[in-house]
Amino acid sequence: MAARDERAEILAWLSPLEPRIRHQDLRTRRADNVGEWLLHTDEFQSWCNGARHGTLICYGDPAVGKTYFR
């Protein structure tokens, strides 16, 4: 087996999800303005402008729409 073929096989084994294809698929199914309200809240604006420190985490049950959020 050639080194190139072996590398491709290893990469496919490590990440079979094909993130580029998944991203394109999700973009075509995303609804406009989902979560727009959140972007206008005082809490988000203060975090975005650096007044609040920390990591923004979007959590929730599977299949509730986190992937589709703006």
C-alpha atoms as a PDB file:
ATOM      1  CA  MET A   1       0.000   0.000   0.000  1.00  0.00           C
ATOM      2  CA  ALA A   2       1.362   3.424  -0.945  1.00  0.00           C
ATOM      3  CA  ALA A   3       2.004   5.943   1.796  1.00  0.00           C
ATOM      4  CA  ARG A   4      -0.633   8.275   0.341  1.00  0.00           C
ATOM      5  CA  ASP A   5      -3.290   5.527   0.360  1.00  0.00           C
ATOM      6  CA  GLU A   6      -2.343   4.559   3.896  1.00  0.00           C
ATOM      7  CA  ARG A   7      -2.586   8.176   5.053  1.00  0.00           C
ATOM      8  CA  ALA A   8      -6.040   8.557   3.468  1.00  0.00           C
ATOM      9  CA  GLU A   9      -7.172   5.328   5.103  1.00  0.00           C
ATOM     10  CA  ILE A  10      -5.938   6.481   8.521  1.00  0.00           C
ATOM     11  CA  LEU A  11      -7.613   9.876   8.152  1.00  0.00           C
ATOM     12  CA  ALA A  12     -10.900   8.237   7.151  1.00  0.00           C
ATOM     13  CA  TRP A  13     -10.662   5.978  10.195  1.00  0.00           C
ATOM     14  CA  LEU A  14      -9.942   8.918  12.527  1.00  0.00           C
ATOM     15  CA  SER A  15     -12.707  11.156  11.199  1.00  0.00           C
ATOM     16  CA  PRO A  16     -15.345   9.393   9.125  1.00  0.00           C
ATOM     17  CA  LEU A  17     -17.777  12.294   9.588  1.00  0.00           C
ATOM     18  CA  GLU A  18     -16.385  14.438   6.744  1.00  0.00           C
ATOM     19  CA  PRO A  19     -16.823  17.789   8.519  1.00  0.00           C
ATOM     20  CA  ARG A  20     -16.819  19.861   5.306  1.00  0.00           C
ATOM     21  CA  ILE A  21     -19.736  17.907   3.870  1.00  0.00           C
ATOM     22  CA  ARG A  22     -21.597  17.972   7.195  1.00  0.00           C
ATOM     23  CA  HIS A  23     -21.092  21.740   7.469  1.00  0.00           C
ATOM     24  CA  GLN A  24     -22.473  22.318   3.963  1.00  0.00           C
ATOM     25  CA  ASP A  25     -25.464  20.108   4.723  1.00  0.00           C
ATOM     26  CA  LEU A  26     -26.237  21.983   7.938  1.00  0.00           C
ATOM     27  CA  ARG A  27     -25.898  25.362   6.234  1.00  0.00           C
ATOM     28  CA  THR A  28     -28.510  24.434   3.642  1.00  0.00           C
ATOM     29  CA  ARG A  29     -30.989  23.370   6.335  1.00  0.00           C
ATOM     30  CA  ARG A  30     -30.473  26.306   8.717  1.00  0.00           C
ATOM     31  CA  ALA A  31     -33.457  28.577   9.261  1.00  0.00           C
ATOM     32  CA  ASP A  32     -32.952  32.339   9.159  1.00  0.00           C
ATOM     33  CA  ASN A  33     -32.910  34.321  12.402  1.00  0.00           C
ATOM     34  CA  VAL A  34     -32.819  31.295  14.704  1.00  0.00           C
ATOM     35  CA  GLY A  35     -31.657  32.561  18.074  1.00  0.00           C
ATOM     36  CA  GLU A  36     -31.528  36.158  16.915  1.00  0.00           C
ATOM     37  CA  TRP A  37     -33.171  37.220  20.177  1.00  0.00           C
ATOM     38  CA  LEU A  38     -30.184  35.956  22.166  1.00  0.00           C
ATOM     39  CA  LEU A  39     -27.768  38.158  20.274  1.00  0.00           C
ATOM     40  CA  HIS A  40     -29.660  41.230  21.467  1.00  0.00           C
ATOM     41  CA  THR A  41     -29.820  40.408  25.183  1.00  0.00           C
ATOM     42  CA  ASP A  42     -27.858  42.540  27.635  1.00  0.00           C
ATOM     43  CA  GLU A  43     -26.073  39.441  28.922  1.00  0.00           C
ATOM     44  CA  PHE A  44     -24.802  38.412  25.509  1.00  0.00           C
ATOM     45  CA  GLN A  45     -23.852  41.947  24.538  1.00  0.00           C
ATOM     46  CA  SER A  46     -21.814  42.431  27.725  1.00  0.00           C
ATOM     47  CA  TRP A  47     -20.055  39.097  27.117  1.00  0.00           C
ATOM     48  CA  CYS A  48     -19.423  39.976  23.483  1.00  0.00           C
ATOM     49  CA  ASN A  49     -18.016  43.412  24.368  1.00  0.00           C
ATOM     50  CA  GLY A  50     -15.641  41.942  26.951  1.00  0.00           C
ATOM     51  CA  ALA A  51     -17.442  43.182  30.072  1.00  0.00           C
ATOM     52  CA  ARG A  52     -18.028  39.575  31.115  1.00  0.00           C
ATOM     53  CA  HIS A  53     -15.259  37.020  31.036  1.00  0.00           C
ATOM     54  CA  GLY A  54     -15.662  33.348  30.378  1.00  0.00           C
ATOM     55  CA  THR A  55     -16.592  30.845  27.760  1.00  0.00           C
ATOM     56  CA  LEU A  56     -19.925  30.854  26.003  1.00  0.00           C
ATOM     57  CA  ILE A  57     -21.386  27.361  26.096  1.00  0.00           C
ATOM     58  CA  CYS A  58     -24.483  26.304  24.235  1.00  0.00           C
ATOM     59  CA  TYR A  59     -25.927  23.235  25.880  1.00  0.00           C
ATOM     60  CA  GLY A  60     -29.104  21.207  25.564  1.00  0.00           C
ATOM     61  CA  ASP A  61     -30.509  17.843  24.721  1.00  0.00           C
ATOM     62  CA  PRO A  62     -29.609  16.205  21.417  1.00  0.00           C
ATOM     63  CA  ALA A  63     -31.617  17.356  18.404  1.00  0.00           C
ATOM     64  CA  VAL A  64     -33.011  20.546  19.970  1.00  0.00           C
ATOM     65  CA  GLY A  65     -31.387  22.871  17.424  1.00  0.00           C
ATOM     66  CA  LYS A  66     -28.001  23.874  18.851  1.00  0.00           C
ATOM     67  CA  THR A  67     -26.314  23.176  15.522  1.00  0.00           C
ATOM     68  CA  TYR A  68     -28.728  25.449  13.690  1.00  0.00           C
ATOM     69  CA  PHE A  69     -28.202  28.390  16.014  1.00  0.00           C
ATOM     70  CA  ARG A  70     -27.105  31.408  14.045  1.00  0.00           C
END
